[in-house]
Amino acid sequence: MSEPDETTTGALKRLDKGLGAFEAARRPRALTSGIGGAQDGYRLLGQMLGGVLGGLGTGWAVDHFFHTGPWGVIGGLIIGSGLTIYATVRTASQMSARAAKSGASASAADLGDEDD
């Protein structure tokens, strides 16, 4: 049996590298990436609840000190909800951009240079 020539050896190395990148992409993400996703989810949940409850509390304080009836609570709820939606969408889009950026750089690093 003859030994493989340089062309065959180079092709086999590229094939092994491509197979390794494919298996790495198919492999489930590490547990730490799931924890980061849970952290982001809890952060958004806290932001939403805090904004709505903060608006309600501010509205209640306005009603209590200025005797405006239910209008302070209603206004606080509307303003708090609006600001919460704005802040949550903004934060979620930043998280999405950060995840897309890190995902693109990770996939490019997995593929490597095929001219080796």
PDB file of N, CA and C in Angstrom:
ATOM      1  N   MET A   1       0.828  -1.178   0.000  1.00  0.00           N
ATOM      2  CA  MET A   1       0.000   0.000   0.000  1.00  0.00           C
ATOM      3  C   MET A   1       0.874   1.243   0.000  1.00  0.00           C
ATOM      4  N   SER A   2       0.548   2.231  -0.809  1.00  0.00           N
ATOM      5  CA  SER A   2       1.363   3.434  -0.897  1.00  0.00           C
ATOM      6  C   SER A   2       0.874   4.488   0.087  1.00  0.00           C
ATOM      7  N   GLU A   3       1.774   5.363   0.452  1.00  0.00           N
ATOM      8  CA  GLU A   3       1.428   6.450   1.370  1.00  0.00           C
ATOM      9  C   GLU A   3       0.684   7.542   0.609  1.00  0.00           C
ATOM     10  N   PRO A   4      -0.251   8.268   1.294  1.00  0.00           N
ATOM     11  CA  PRO A   4      -0.994   9.336   0.615  1.00  0.00           C
ATOM     12  C   PRO A   4      -0.068  10.499   0.265  1.00  0.00           C
ATOM     13  N   ASP A   5      -0.339  11.129  -0.870  1.00  0.00           N
ATOM     14  CA  ASP A   5       0.468  12.268  -1.284  1.00  0.00           C
ATOM     15  C   ASP A   5       0.025  13.531  -0.537  1.00  0.00           C
ATOM     16  N   GLU A   6       0.708  14.645  -0.769  1.00  0.00           N
ATOM     17  CA  GLU A   6       0.443  15.898  -0.053  1.00  0.00           C
ATOM     18  C   GLU A   6      -0.950  16.451  -0.348  1.00  0.00           C
ATOM     19  N   THR A   7      -1.427  16.285  -1.560  1.00  0.00           N
ATOM     20  CA  THR A   7      -2.756  16.785  -1.922  1.00  0.00           C
ATOM     21  C   THR A   7      -3.826  16.058  -1.124  1.00  0.00           C
ATOM     22  N   THR A   8      -3.707  14.748  -1.030  1.00  0.00           N
ATOM     23  CA  THR A   8      -4.682  13.959  -0.282  1.00  0.00           C
ATOM     24  C   THR A   8      -4.611  14.287   1.206  1.00  0.00           C
ATOM     25  N   THR A   9      -3.415  14.457   1.737  1.00  0.00           N
ATOM     26  CA  THR A   9      -3.255  14.788   3.151  1.00  0.00           C
ATOM     27  C   THR A   9      -3.858  16.150   3.455  1.00  0.00           C
ATOM     28  N   GLY A  10      -3.640  17.140   2.593  1.00  0.00           N
ATOM     29  CA  GLY A  10      -4.219  18.470   2.790  1.00  0.00           C
ATOM     30  C   GLY A  10      -5.734  18.441   2.729  1.00  0.00           C
ATOM     31  N   ALA A  11      -6.256  17.640   1.788  1.00  0.00           N
ATOM     32  CA  ALA A  11      -7.712  17.528   1.668  1.00  0.00           C
ATOM     33  C   ALA A  11      -8.300  16.869   2.910  1.00  0.00           C
ATOM     34  N   LEU A  12      -7.626  15.852   3.422  1.00  0.00           N
ATOM     35  CA  LEU A  12      -8.115  15.189   4.635  1.00  0.00           C
ATOM     36  C   LEU A  12      -8.078  16.128   5.843  1.00  0.00           C
ATOM     37  N   LYS A  13      -7.051  16.948   5.939  1.00  0.00           N
ATOM     38  CA  LYS A  13      -6.972  17.911   7.047  1.00  0.00           C
ATOM     39  C   LYS A  13      -8.107  18.928   6.959  1.00  0.00           C
ATOM     40  N   ARG A  14      -8.388  19.425   5.743  1.00  0.00           N
ATOM     41  CA  ARG A  14      -9.495  20.375   5.566  1.00  0.00           C
ATOM     42  C   ARG A  14     -10.837  19.719   5.881  1.00  0.00           C
ATOM     43  N   LEU A  15     -10.974  18.462   5.485  1.00  0.00           N
ATOM     44  CA  LEU A  15     -12.206  17.732   5.776  1.00  0.00           C
ATOM     45  C   LEU A  15     -12.383  17.534   7.279  1.00  0.00           C
ATOM     46  N   ASP A  16     -11.302  17.190   7.980  1.00  0.00           N
ATOM     47  CA  ASP A  16     -11.375  17.042   9.438  1.00  0.00           C
ATOM     48  C   ASP A  16     -11.733  18.360  10.106  1.00  0.00           C
ATOM     49  N   LYS A  17     -11.149  19.449   9.623  1.00  0.00           N
ATOM     50  CA  LYS A  17     -11.443  20.764  10.197  1.00  0.00           C
ATOM     51  C   LYS A  17     -12.910  21.144   9.964  1.00  0.00           C
ATOM     52  N   GLY A  18     -13.398  20.895   8.753  1.00  0.00           N
ATOM     53  CA  GLY A  18     -14.799  21.188   8.440  1.00  0.00           C
ATOM     54  C   GLY A  18     -15.755  20.331   9.249  1.00  0.00           C
ATOM     55  N   LEU A  19     -15.413  19.057   9.439  1.00  0.00           N
ATOM     56  CA  LEU A  19     -16.239  18.162  10.233  1.00  0.00           C
ATOM     57  C   LEU A  19     -16.262  18.600  11.691  1.00  0.00           C
ATOM     58  N   GLY A  20     -15.111  19.028  12.195  1.00  0.00           N
ATOM     59  CA  GLY A  20     -15.059  19.527  13.578  1.00  0.00           C
ATOM     60  C   GLY A  20     -15.912  20.772  13.764  1.00  0.00           C
ATOM     61  N   ALA A  21     -15.874  21.669  12.787  1.00  0.00           N
ATOM     62  CA  ALA A  21     -16.700  22.882  12.871  1.00  0.00           C
ATOM     63  C   ALA A  21     -18.179  22.533  12.794  1.00  0.00           C
ATOM     64  N   PHE A  22     -18.533  21.556  11.939  1.00  0.00           N
ATOM     65  CA  PHE A  22     -19.928  21.138  11.824  1.00  0.00           C
ATOM     66  C   PHE A  22     -20.417  20.511  13.124  1.00  0.00           C
ATOM     67  N   GLU A  23     -19.612  19.648  13.715  1.00  0.00           N
ATOM     68  CA  GLU A  23     -20.006  19.013  14.973  1.00  0.00           C
ATOM     69  C   GLU A  23     -20.106  20.034  16.102  1.00  0.00           C
ATOM     70  N   ALA A  24     -19.227  21.011  16.105  1.00  0.00           N
ATOM     71  CA  ALA A  24     -19.291  22.050  17.137  1.00  0.00           C
ATOM     72  C   ALA A  24     -20.558  22.880  16.995  1.00  0.00           C
ATOM     73  N   ALA A  25     -20.973  23.130  15.750  1.00  0.00           N
ATOM     74  CA  ALA A  25     -22.200  23.900  15.535  1.00  0.00           C
ATOM     75  C   ALA A  25     -23.430  23.087  15.918  1.00  0.00           C
ATOM     76  N   ARG A  26     -23.397  21.785  15.730  1.00  0.00           N
ATOM     77  CA  ARG A  26     -24.542  20.927  16.044  1.00  0.00           C
ATOM     78  C   ARG A  26     -24.624  20.588  17.533  1.00  0.00           C
ATOM     79  N   ARG A  27     -23.508  20.681  18.228  1.00  0.00           N
ATOM     80  CA  ARG A  27     -23.458  20.338  19.645  1.00  0.00           C
ATOM     81  C   ARG A  27     -24.294  21.332  20.451  1.00  0.00           C
ATOM     82  N   PRO A  28     -25.029  20.861  21.460  1.00  0.00           N
ATOM     83  CA  PRO A  28     -25.797  21.800  22.288  1.00  0.00           C
ATOM     84  C   PRO A  28     -24.870  22.799  22.973  1.00  0.00           C
ATOM     85  N   ARG A  29     -25.374  23.999  23.148  1.00  0.00           N
ATOM     86  CA  ARG A  29     -24.573  25.042  23.791  1.00  0.00           C
ATOM     87  C   ARG A  29     -24.258  24.646  25.226  1.00  0.00           C
ATOM     88  N   ALA A  30     -23.179  25.188  25.728  1.00  0.00           N
ATOM     89  CA  ALA A  30     -22.771  24.905  27.104  1.00  0.00           C
ATOM     90  C   ALA A  30     -23.803  25.439  28.080  1.00  0.00           C
ATOM     91  N   LEU A  31     -23.779  24.897  29.276  1.00  0.00           N
ATOM     92  CA  LEU A  31     -24.736  25.287  30.304  1.00  0.00           C
ATOM     93  C   LEU A  31     -24.593  26.759  30.664  1.00  0.00           C
ATOM     94  N   THR A  32     -23.399  27.294  30.573  1.00  0.00           N
ATOM     95  CA  THR A  32     -23.210  28.699  30.933  1.00  0.00           C
ATOM     96  C   THR A  32     -23.935  29.638  29.994  1.00  0.00           C
ATOM     97  N   SER A  33     -24.075  29.261  28.706  1.00  0.00           N
ATOM     98  CA  SER A  33     -24.807  30.137  27.795  1.00  0.00           C
ATOM     99  C   SER A  33     -26.282  30.163  28.154  1.00  0.00           C
ATOM    100  N   GLY A  34     -26.829  29.065  28.667  1.00  0.00           N
ATOM    101  CA  GLY A  34     -28.209  29.035  29.112  1.00  0.00           C
ATOM    102  C   GLY A  34     -28.421  29.915  30.329  1.00  0.00           C
ATOM    103  N   ILE A  35     -27.431  29.943  31.204  1.00  0.00           N
ATOM    104  CA  ILE A  35     -27.533  30.776  32.393  1.00  0.00           C
ATOM    105  C   ILE A  35     -27.532  32.243  31.994  1.00  0.00           C
ATOM    106  N   GLY A  36     -26.724  32.624  31.019  1.00  0.00           N
ATOM    107  CA  GLY A  36     -26.703  34.003  30.547  1.00  0.00           C
ATOM    108  C   GLY A  36     -28.041  34.408  29.963  1.00  0.00           C
ATOM    109  N   GLY A  37     -28.685  33.486  29.238  1.00  0.00           N
ATOM    110  CA  GLY A  37     -29.998  33.757  28.683  1.00  0.00           C
ATOM    111  C   GLY A  37     -31.041  33.921  29.777  1.00  0.00           C
ATOM    112  N   ALA A  38     -30.942  33.102  30.818  1.00  0.00           N
ATOM    113  CA  ALA A  38     -31.876  33.221  31.940  1.00  0.00           C
ATOM    114  C   ALA A  38     -31.657  34.543  32.667  1.00  0.00           C
ATOM    115  N   GLN A  39     -30.416  34.947  32.811  1.00  0.00           N
ATOM    116  CA  GLN A  39     -30.129  36.236  33.448  1.00  0.00           C
ATOM    117  C   GLN A  39     -30.767  37.380  32.673  1.00  0.00           C
ATOM    118  N   ASP A  40     -30.647  37.332  31.364  1.00  0.00           N
ATOM    119  CA  ASP A  40     -31.241  38.381  30.536  1.00  0.00           C
ATOM    120  C   ASP A  40     -32.758  38.379  30.657  1.00  0.00           C
ATOM    121  N   GLY A  41     -33.350  37.188  30.709  1.00  0.00           N
ATOM    122  CA  GLY A  41     -34.797  37.094  30.856  1.00  0.00           C
ATOM    123  C   GLY A  41     -35.272  37.648  32.185  1.00  0.00           C
ATOM    124  N   TYR A  42     -34.573  37.302  33.254  1.00  0.00           N
ATOM    125  CA  TYR A  42     -34.942  37.828  34.570  1.00  0.00           C
ATOM    126  C   TYR A  42     -34.726  39.338  34.643  1.00  0.00           C
ATOM    127  N   ARG A  43     -33.709  39.802  33.954  1.00  0.00           N
ATOM    128  CA  ARG A  43     -33.463  41.247  33.926  1.00  0.00           C
ATOM    129  C   ARG A  43     -34.634  41.979  33.258  1.00  0.00           C
ATOM    130  N   LEU A  44     -35.086  41.443  32.119  1.00  0.00           N
ATOM    131  CA  LEU A  44     -36.220  42.062  31.432  1.00  0.00           C
ATOM    132  C   LEU A  44     -37.493  41.978  32.270  1.00  0.00           C
ATOM    133  N   LEU A  45     -37.711  40.844  32.931  1.00  0.00           N
ATOM    134  CA  LEU A  45     -38.892  40.693  33.779  1.00  0.00           C
ATOM    135  C   LEU A  45     -38.865  41.689  34.929  1.00  0.00           C
ATOM    136  N   GLY A  46     -37.726  41.826  35.569  1.00  0.00           N
ATOM    137  CA  GLY A  46     -37.601  42.799  36.653  1.00  0.00           C
ATOM    138  C   GLY A  46     -37.797  44.223  36.175  1.00  0.00           C
ATOM    139  N   GLN A  47     -37.294  44.506  35.003  1.00  0.00           N
ATOM    140  CA  GLN A  47     -37.451  45.848  34.433  1.00  0.00           C
ATOM    141  C   GLN A  47     -38.923  46.139  34.158  1.00  0.00           C
ATOM    142  N   MET A  48     -39.644  45.166  33.623  1.00  0.00           N
ATOM    143  CA  MET A  48     -41.065  45.380  33.324  1.00  0.00           C
ATOM    144  C   MET A  48     -41.880  45.541  34.601  1.00  0.00           C
ATOM    145  N   LEU A  49     -41.670  44.656  35.554  1.00  0.00           N
ATOM    146  CA  LEU A  49     -42.428  44.749  36.801  1.00  0.00           C
ATOM    147  C   LEU A  49     -42.080  46.020  37.578  1.00  0.00           C
ATOM    148  N   GLY A  50     -40.814  46.355  37.604  1.00  0.00           N
ATOM    149  CA  GLY A  50     -40.391  47.556  38.312  1.00  0.00           C
ATOM    150  C   GLY A  50     -40.965  48.825  37.712  1.00  0.00           C
ATOM    151  N   GLY A  51     -41.024  48.885  36.394  1.00  0.00           N
ATOM    152  CA  GLY A  51     -41.577  50.071  35.741  1.00  0.00           C
ATOM    153  C   GLY A  51     -43.056  50.254  36.011  1.00  0.00           C
ATOM    154  N   VAL A  52     -43.806  49.162  35.913  1.00  0.00           N
ATOM    155  CA  VAL A  52     -45.251  49.252  36.149  1.00  0.00           C
ATOM    156  C   VAL A  52     -45.524  49.554  37.621  1.00  0.00           C
ATOM    157  N   LEU A  53     -44.867  48.839  38.520  1.00  0.00           N
ATOM    158  CA  LEU A  53     -45.086  49.082  39.955  1.00  0.00           C
ATOM    159  C   LEU A  53     -44.577  50.460  40.370  1.00  0.00           C
ATOM    160  N   GLY A  54     -43.495  50.912  39.762  1.00  0.00           N
ATOM    161  CA  GLY A  54     -43.008  52.268  40.049  1.00  0.00           C
ATOM    162  C   GLY A  54     -44.001  53.328  39.603  1.00  0.00           C
ATOM    163  N   GLY A  55     -44.603  53.130  38.435  1.00  0.00           N
ATOM    164  CA  GLY A  55     -45.629  54.058  37.958  1.00  0.00           C
ATOM    165  C   GLY A  55     -46.851  54.063  38.853  1.00  0.00           C
ATOM    166  N   LEU A  56     -47.264  52.873  39.303  1.00  0.00           N
ATOM    167  CA  LEU A  56     -48.400  52.791  40.223  1.00  0.00           C
ATOM    168  C   LEU A  56     -48.091  53.474  41.550  1.00  0.00           C
ATOM    169  N   GLY A  57     -46.898  53.253  42.063  1.00  0.00           N
ATOM    170  CA  GLY A  57     -46.505  53.875  43.332  1.00  0.00           C
ATOM    171  C   GLY A  57     -46.434  55.386  43.233  1.00  0.00           C
ATOM    172  N   THR A  58     -45.900  55.876  42.135  1.00  0.00           N
ATOM    173  CA  THR A  58     -45.832  57.319  41.934  1.00  0.00           C
ATOM    174  C   THR A  58     -47.235  57.913  41.805  1.00  0.00           C
ATOM    175  N   GLY A  59     -48.106  57.211  41.063  1.00  0.00           N
ATOM    176  CA  GLY A  59     -49.489  57.665  40.936  1.00  0.00           C
ATOM    177  C   GLY A  59     -50.218  57.669  42.264  1.00  0.00           C
ATOM    178  N   TRP A  60     -49.981  56.644  43.074  1.00  0.00           N
ATOM    179  CA  TRP A  60     -50.601  56.592  44.402  1.00  0.00           C
ATOM    180  C   TRP A  60     -50.118  57.765  45.261  1.00  0.00           C
ATOM    181  N   ALA A  61     -48.809  58.054  45.203  1.00  0.00           N
ATOM    182  CA  ALA A  61     -48.271  59.167  45.995  1.00  0.00           C
ATOM    183  C   ALA A  61     -48.885  60.493  45.548  1.00  0.00           C
ATOM    184  N   VAL A  62     -49.058  60.679  44.250  1.00  0.00           N
ATOM    185  CA  VAL A  62     -49.696  61.897  43.752  1.00  0.00           C
ATOM    186  C   VAL A  62     -51.130  61.981  44.267  1.00  0.00           C
ATOM    187  N   ASP A  63     -51.863  60.872  44.213  1.00  0.00           N
ATOM    188  CA  ASP A  63     -53.236  60.850  44.724  1.00  0.00           C
ATOM    189  C   ASP A  63     -53.275  61.131  46.221  1.00  0.00           C
ATOM    190  N   HIS A  64     -52.360  60.558  46.941  1.00  0.00           N
ATOM    191  CA  HIS A  64     -52.357  60.705  48.399  1.00  0.00           C
ATOM    192  C   HIS A  64     -52.071  62.146  48.830  1.00  0.00           C
ATOM    193  N   PHE A  65     -51.100  62.776  48.210  1.00  0.00           N
ATOM    194  CA  PHE A  65     -50.701  64.115  48.654  1.00  0.00           C
ATOM    195  C   PHE A  65     -51.525  65.239  48.024  1.00  0.00           C
ATOM    196  N   PHE A  66     -52.045  65.019  46.840  1.00  0.00           N
ATOM    197  CA  PHE A  66     -52.780  66.084  46.163  1.00  0.00           C
ATOM    198  C   PHE A  66     -54.289  65.826  46.087  1.00  0.00           C
ATOM    199  N   HIS A  67     -54.750  64.706  46.639  1.00  0.00           N
ATOM    200  CA  HIS A  67     -56.174  64.359  46.705  1.00  0.00           C
ATOM    201  C   HIS A  67     -56.830  64.449  45.323  1.00  0.00           C
ATOM    202  N   THR A  68     -56.231  63.772  44.363  1.00  0.00           N
ATOM    203  CA  THR A  68     -56.745  63.824  42.991  1.00  0.00           C
ATOM    204  C   THR A  68     -57.606  62.624  42.638  1.00  0.00           C
ATOM    205  N   GLY A  69     -57.911  61.772  43.603  1.00  0.00           N
ATOM    206  CA  GLY A  69     -58.765  60.622  43.314  1.00  0.00           C
ATOM    207  C   GLY A  69     -57.993  59.545  42.568  1.00  0.00           C
ATOM    208  N   PRO A  70     -58.644  58.812  41.717  1.00  0.00           N
ATOM    209  CA  PRO A  70     -57.943  57.708  41.049  1.00  0.00           C
ATOM    210  C   PRO A  70     -57.090  58.156  39.868  1.00  0.00           C
ATOM    211  N   TRP A  71     -57.099  59.444  39.544  1.00  0.00           N
ATOM    212  CA  TRP A  71     -56.427  59.885  38.325  1.00  0.00           C
ATOM    213  C   TRP A  71     -54.909  59.787  38.407  1.00  0.00           C
ATOM    214  N   GLY A  72     -54.344  59.940  39.557  1.00  0.00           N
ATOM    215  CA  GLY A  72     -52.895  59.788  39.699  1.00  0.00           C
ATOM    216  C   GLY A  72     -52.458  58.354  39.466  1.00  0.00           C
ATOM    217  N   VAL A  73     -53.225  57.398  40.027  1.00  0.00           N
ATOM    218  CA  VAL A  73     -52.900  55.988  39.829  1.00  0.00           C
ATOM    219  C   VAL A  73     -53.066  55.600  38.362  1.00  0.00           C
ATOM    220  N   ILE A  74     -54.142  56.075  37.741  1.00  0.00           N
ATOM    221  CA  ILE A  74     -54.372  55.756  36.329  1.00  0.00           C
ATOM    222  C   ILE A  74     -53.265  56.354  35.460  1.00  0.00           C
ATOM    223  N   GLY A  75     -52.945  57.613  35.700  1.00  0.00           N
ATOM    224  CA  GLY A  75     -51.870  58.258  34.943  1.00  0.00           C
ATOM    225  C   GLY A  75     -50.524  57.603  35.194  1.00  0.00           C
ATOM    226  N   GLY A  76     -50.254  57.268  36.446  1.00  0.00           N
ATOM    227  CA  GLY A  76     -48.993  56.593  36.766  1.00  0.00           C
ATOM    228  C   GLY A  76     -48.879  55.235  36.101  1.00  0.00           C
ATOM    229  N   LEU A  77     -50.003  54.513  36.053  1.00  0.00           N
ATOM    230  CA  LEU A  77     -50.006  53.212  35.398  1.00  0.00           C
ATOM    231  C   LEU A  77     -49.741  53.356  33.905  1.00  0.00           C
ATOM    232  N   ILE A  78     -50.379  54.326  33.272  1.00  0.00           N
ATOM    233  CA  ILE A  78     -50.183  54.535  31.831  1.00  0.00           C
ATOM    234  C   ILE A  78     -48.759  54.982  31.525  1.00  0.00           C
ATOM    235  N   ILE A  79     -48.272  55.962  32.282  1.00  0.00           N
ATOM    236  CA  ILE A  79     -46.905  56.449  32.050  1.00  0.00           C
ATOM    237  C   ILE A  79     -45.875  55.372  32.364  1.00  0.00           C
ATOM    238  N   GLY A  80     -46.061  54.670  33.485  1.00  0.00           N
ATOM    239  CA  GLY A  80     -45.134  53.593  33.852  1.00  0.00           C
ATOM    240  C   GLY A  80     -45.117  52.476  32.823  1.00  0.00           C
ATOM    241  N   SER A  81     -46.294  52.109  32.314  1.00  0.00           N
ATOM    242  CA  SER A  81     -46.367  51.052  31.300  1.00  0.00           C
ATOM    243  C   SER A  81     -45.701  51.491  30.000  1.00  0.00           C
ATOM    244  N   GLY A  82     -45.949  52.708  29.588  1.00  0.00           N
ATOM    245  CA  GLY A  82     -45.332  53.206  28.357  1.00  0.00           C
ATOM    246  C   GLY A  82     -43.817  53.254  28.437  1.00  0.00           C
ATOM    247  N   LEU A  83     -43.311  53.776  29.537  1.00  0.00           N
ATOM    248  CA  LEU A  83     -41.853  53.833  29.704  1.00  0.00           C
ATOM    249  C   LEU A  83     -41.246  52.438  29.828  1.00  0.00           C
ATOM    250  N   THR A  84     -41.983  51.533  30.469  1.00  0.00           N
ATOM    251  CA  THR A  84     -41.502  50.166  30.610  1.00  0.00           C
ATOM    252  C   THR A  84     -41.408  49.478  29.252  1.00  0.00           C
ATOM    253  N   ILE A  85     -42.411  49.659  28.422  1.00  0.00           N
ATOM    254  CA  ILE A  85     -42.388  49.042  27.093  1.00  0.00           C
ATOM    255  C   ILE A  85     -41.226  49.599  26.275  1.00  0.00           C
ATOM    256  N   TYR A  86     -41.045  50.904  26.322  1.00  0.00           N
ATOM    257  CA  TYR A  86     -39.938  51.528  25.587  1.00  0.00           C
ATOM    258  C   TYR A  86     -38.587  50.990  26.068  1.00  0.00           C
ATOM    259  N   ALA A  87     -38.379  50.966  27.380  1.00  0.00           N
ATOM    260  CA  ALA A  87     -37.094  50.528  27.927  1.00  0.00           C
ATOM    261  C   ALA A  87     -36.858  49.041  27.678  1.00  0.00           C
ATOM    262  N   THR A  88     -37.895  48.227  27.761  1.00  0.00           N
ATOM    263  CA  THR A  88     -37.749  46.793  27.551  1.00  0.00           C
ATOM    264  C   THR A  88     -37.413  46.480  26.094  1.00  0.00           C
ATOM    265  N   VAL A  89     -38.076  47.138  25.167  1.00  0.00           N
ATOM    266  CA  VAL A  89     -37.779  46.916  23.747  1.00  0.00           C
ATOM    267  C   VAL A  89     -36.358  47.362  23.437  1.00  0.00           C
ATOM    268  N   ARG A  90     -35.951  48.469  23.997  1.00  0.00           N
ATOM    269  CA  ARG A  90     -34.593  48.971  23.764  1.00  0.00           C
ATOM    270  C   ARG A  90     -33.547  48.000  24.325  1.00  0.00           C
ATOM    271  N   THR A  91     -33.766  47.528  25.547  1.00  0.00           N
ATOM    272  CA  THR A  91     -32.837  46.581  26.157  1.00  0.00           C
ATOM    273  C   THR A  91     -32.805  45.266  25.396  1.00  0.00           C
ATOM    274  N   ALA A  92     -33.969  44.765  24.984  1.00  0.00           N
ATOM    275  CA  ALA A  92     -34.024  43.502  24.241  1.00  0.00           C
ATOM    276  C   ALA A  92     -33.319  43.620  22.895  1.00  0.00           C
ATOM    277  N   SER A  93     -33.449  44.756  22.225  1.00  0.00           N
ATOM    278  CA  SER A  93     -32.762  44.911  20.941  1.00  0.00           C
ATOM    279  C   SER A  93     -31.246  44.990  21.136  1.00  0.00           C
ATOM    280  N   GLN A  94     -30.796  45.590  22.224  1.00  0.00           N
ATOM    281  CA  GLN A  94     -29.361  45.614  22.519  1.00  0.00           C
ATOM    282  C   GLN A  94     -28.842  44.209  22.812  1.00  0.00           C
ATOM    283  N   MET A  95     -29.628  43.428  23.561  1.00  0.00           N
ATOM    284  CA  MET A  95     -29.232  42.048  23.851  1.00  0.00           C
ATOM    285  C   MET A  95     -29.184  41.219  22.577  1.00  0.00           C
ATOM    286  N   SER A  96     -30.147  41.432  21.694  1.00  0.00           N
ATOM    287  CA  SER A  96     -30.189  40.702  20.438  1.00  0.00           C
ATOM    288  C   SER A  96     -28.989  41.050  19.556  1.00  0.00           C
ATOM    289  N   ALA A  97     -28.661  42.321  19.496  1.00  0.00           N
ATOM    290  CA  ALA A  97     -27.498  42.735  18.700  1.00  0.00           C
ATOM    291  C   ALA A  97     -26.216  42.157  19.270  1.00  0.00           C
ATOM    292  N   ARG A  98     -26.109  42.145  20.590  1.00  0.00           N
ATOM    293  CA  ARG A  98     -24.915  41.588  21.236  1.00  0.00           C
ATOM    294  C   ARG A  98     -24.823  40.090  20.971  1.00  0.00           C
ATOM    295  N   ALA A  99     -25.943  39.369  21.023  1.00  0.00           N
ATOM    296  CA  ALA A  99     -25.936  37.931  20.766  1.00  0.00           C
ATOM    297  C   ALA A  99     -25.601  37.636  19.310  1.00  0.00           C
ATOM    298  N   ALA A 100     -26.133  38.432  18.387  1.00  0.00           N
ATOM    299  CA  ALA A 100     -25.829  38.230  16.969  1.00  0.00           C
ATOM    300  C   ALA A 100     -24.355  38.493  16.690  1.00  0.00           C
ATOM    301  N   LYS A 101     -23.803  39.504  17.336  1.00  0.00           N
ATOM    302  CA  LYS A 101     -22.391  39.835  17.138  1.00  0.00           C
ATOM    303  C   LYS A 101     -21.501  38.714  17.672  1.00  0.00           C
ATOM    304  N   SER A 102     -21.800  38.209  18.864  1.00  0.00           N
ATOM    305  CA  SER A 102     -20.976  37.137  19.427  1.00  0.00           C
ATOM    306  C   SER A 102     -21.195  35.830  18.677  1.00  0.00           C
ATOM    307  N   GLY A 103     -22.402  35.593  18.168  1.00  0.00           N
ATOM    308  CA  GLY A 103     -22.660  34.389  17.377  1.00  0.00           C
ATOM    309  C   GLY A 103     -21.932  34.401  16.053  1.00  0.00           C
ATOM    310  N   ALA A 104     -21.864  35.563  15.419  1.00  0.00           N
ATOM    311  CA  ALA A 104     -21.172  35.669  14.136  1.00  0.00           C
ATOM    312  C   ALA A 104     -19.673  35.484  14.306  1.00  0.00           C
ATOM    313  N   SER A 105     -19.117  36.043  15.363  1.00  0.00           N
ATOM    314  CA  SER A 105     -17.682  35.896  15.573  1.00  0.00           C
ATOM    315  C   SER A 105     -17.336  34.472  15.984  1.00  0.00           C
ATOM    316  N   ALA A 106     -18.229  33.803  16.723  1.00  0.00           N
ATOM    317  CA  ALA A 106     -17.972  32.426  17.119  1.00  0.00           C
ATOM    318  C   ALA A 106     -18.042  31.487  15.923  1.00  0.00           C
ATOM    319  N   SER A 107     -19.002  31.690  15.030  1.00  0.00           N
ATOM    320  CA  SER A 107     -19.110  30.817  13.867  1.00  0.00           C
ATOM    321  C   SER A 107     -17.941  31.045  12.903  1.00  0.00           C
ATOM    322  N   ALA A 108     -17.471  32.260  12.788  1.00  0.00           N
ATOM    323  CA  ALA A 108     -16.316  32.532  11.928  1.00  0.00           C
ATOM    324  C   ALA A 108     -15.058  31.897  12.516  1.00  0.00           C
ATOM    325  N   ALA A 109     -14.935  31.895  13.831  1.00  0.00           N
ATOM    326  CA  ALA A 109     -13.772  31.285  14.460  1.00  0.00           C
ATOM    327  C   ALA A 109     -13.823  29.766  14.329  1.00  0.00           C
ATOM    328  N   ASP A 110     -15.024  29.172  14.343  1.00  0.00           N
ATOM    329  CA  ASP A 110     -15.154  27.723  14.203  1.00  0.00           C
ATOM    330  C   ASP A 110     -14.757  27.264  12.806  1.00  0.00           C
ATOM    331  N   LEU A 111     -15.115  28.031  11.783  1.00  0.00           N
ATOM    332  CA  LEU A 111     -14.815  27.628  10.411  1.00  0.00           C
ATOM    333  C   LEU A 111     -13.343  27.728  10.100  1.00  0.00           C
ATOM    334  N   GLY A 112     -12.693  28.776  10.602  1.00  0.00           N
ATOM    335  CA  GLY A 112     -11.275  28.940  10.371  1.00  0.00           C
ATOM    336  C   GLY A 112     -10.956  29.241   8.924  1.00  0.00           C
ATOM    337  N   ASP A 113      -9.692  29.132   8.570  1.00  0.00           N
ATOM    338  CA  ASP A 113      -9.228  29.400   7.222  1.00  0.00           C
ATOM    339  C   ASP A 113      -9.104  28.074   6.481  1.00  0.00           C
ATOM    340  N   GLU A 114      -9.736  27.919   5.343  1.00  0.00           N
ATOM    341  CA  GLU A 114      -9.734  26.679   4.614  1.00  0.00           C
ATOM    342  C   GLU A 114      -8.529  26.526   3.698  1.00  0.00           C
ATOM    343  N   ASP A 115      -7.634  27.500   3.643  1.00  0.00           N
ATOM    344  CA  ASP A 115      -6.484  27.431   2.748  1.00  0.00           C
ATOM    345  C   ASP A 115      -5.281  26.765   3.390  1.00  0.00           C
ATOM    346  N   ASP A 116      -5.437  26.197   4.602  1.00  0.00           N
ATOM    347  CA  ASP A 116      -4.300  25.571   5.281  1.00  0.00           C
ATOM    348  C   ASP A 116      -3.785  24.360   4.568  1.00  0.00           C
TER     349      ASP A 116
END
